[in-house]
Amino acid sequence: MESEQWNHDQHSEEIEAMCRSKAEEFRLLGYEYVTSKDIWDCISRNYDKEGLPPLHKLVNDIYSLKANSYMNYLTIAAYRGLN
């Protein structure tokens, strides 16, 4: 059985590709300036306290991110002065 722990460096290209895919999806929805880094910043904020989750949860978090959740993240970040 494969371990639940994974090396972020080992899968960084795949994660980058998933974030790029999600950013492209958002651009198709009219959010023109979304980048893969923006997607990763939005997703990874949830992992600050607990660290990186198992790979399957990370993949689910990226692909299930909704535009509304992303916009809420941007709004809160703007209020906090993070962007």
Protein backbone atom coordinates (compact mmCIF):
# COMPACT_ATOMS: atom_id res chain seq x y z
CA MET A 1 0.00 0.00 0.00
CA GLU A 2 1.33 3.42 -0.95
CA SER A 3 2.07 5.88 1.84
CA GLU A 4 -0.27 8.81 2.43
CA GLN A 5 2.72 11.13 2.86
CA TRP A 6 4.23 12.59 -0.28
CA ASN A 7 7.07 14.84 -1.23
CA HIS A 8 5.90 18.26 -2.47
CA ASP A 9 9.03 18.65 -4.61
CA GLN A 10 8.39 15.30 -6.24
CA HIS A 11 4.90 16.33 -7.34
CA SER A 12 5.43 20.06 -7.83
CA GLU A 13 5.17 19.87 -11.63
CA GLU A 14 1.88 17.99 -11.39
CA ILE A 15 0.52 20.42 -8.81
CA GLU A 16 1.60 23.35 -10.99
CA ALA A 17 -0.19 21.76 -13.96
CA MET A 18 -3.38 21.32 -11.92
CA CYS A 19 -3.25 24.94 -10.76
CA ARG A 20 -2.66 26.07 -14.36
CA SER A 21 -5.66 24.05 -15.48
CA LYS A 22 -7.87 25.62 -12.80
CA ALA A 23 -6.60 29.12 -13.71
CA GLU A 24 -7.46 28.45 -17.37
CA GLU A 25 -10.93 27.35 -16.32
CA PHE A 26 -11.41 30.60 -14.41
CA ARG A 27 -10.18 32.61 -17.41
CA LEU A 28 -12.82 30.88 -19.54
CA LEU A 29 -15.37 32.07 -16.99
CA GLY A 30 -14.20 35.66 -17.43
CA TYR A 31 -11.62 36.02 -14.66
CA GLU A 32 -8.85 37.18 -17.00
CA TYR A 33 -5.97 37.74 -14.62
CA VAL A 34 -5.95 34.51 -12.60
CA THR A 35 -2.59 32.71 -12.52
CA SER A 36 -1.60 29.28 -11.28
CA LYS A 37 0.22 30.98 -8.39
CA ASP A 38 -3.02 32.73 -7.41
CA ILE A 39 -4.79 29.37 -7.34
CA TRP A 40 -2.02 27.82 -5.23
CA ASP A 41 -2.04 30.78 -2.81
CA CYS A 42 -5.79 30.42 -2.39
CA ILE A 43 -5.65 26.66 -1.84
CA SER A 44 -2.53 26.55 0.32
CA ARG A 45 -3.80 29.09 2.85
CA ASN A 46 -5.80 26.23 4.35
CA TYR A 47 -2.64 24.25 5.00
CA ASP A 48 -0.78 26.82 7.09
CA LYS A 49 -1.66 25.24 10.43
CA GLU A 50 -1.75 21.54 9.61
CA GLY A 51 0.77 21.27 6.80
CA LEU A 52 0.20 19.69 3.42
CA PRO A 53 -2.65 17.17 3.28
CA PRO A 54 -2.55 13.78 1.55
CA LEU A 55 -2.14 14.10 -2.21
CA HIS A 56 -5.70 13.01 -3.01
CA LYS A 57 -7.11 15.79 -0.79
CA LEU A 58 -4.84 18.37 -2.40
CA VAL A 59 -5.97 17.32 -5.89
CA ASN A 60 -9.60 17.50 -4.78
CA ASP A 61 -9.09 20.94 -3.22
CA ILE A 62 -7.60 22.33 -6.43
CA TYR A 63 -10.13 20.86 -8.84
CA SER A 64 -13.17 21.60 -6.66
CA LEU A 65 -12.26 25.27 -6.07
CA LYS A 66 -15.19 27.43 -7.11
CA ALA A 67 -14.86 30.91 -8.57
CA ASN A 68 -16.97 32.30 -5.72
CA SER A 69 -14.57 30.86 -3.11
CA TYR A 70 -11.62 32.28 -5.01
CA MET A 71 -13.23 35.73 -5.18
CA ASN A 72 -13.98 35.60 -1.44
CA TYR A 73 -10.31 34.79 -0.84
CA LEU A 74 -9.25 37.79 -2.97
CA THR A 75 -11.66 40.11 -1.17
CA ILE A 76 -10.42 39.07 2.27
CA ALA A 77 -6.79 39.29 1.11
CA ALA A 78 -7.42 42.81 -0.19
CA TYR A 79 -8.93 43.87 3.14
CA ARG A 80 -5.94 42.44 4.97
CA GLY A 81 -3.53 44.06 2.54
CA LEU A 82 -2.08 40.75 1.35
CA ASN A 83 -2.37 41.52 -2.37
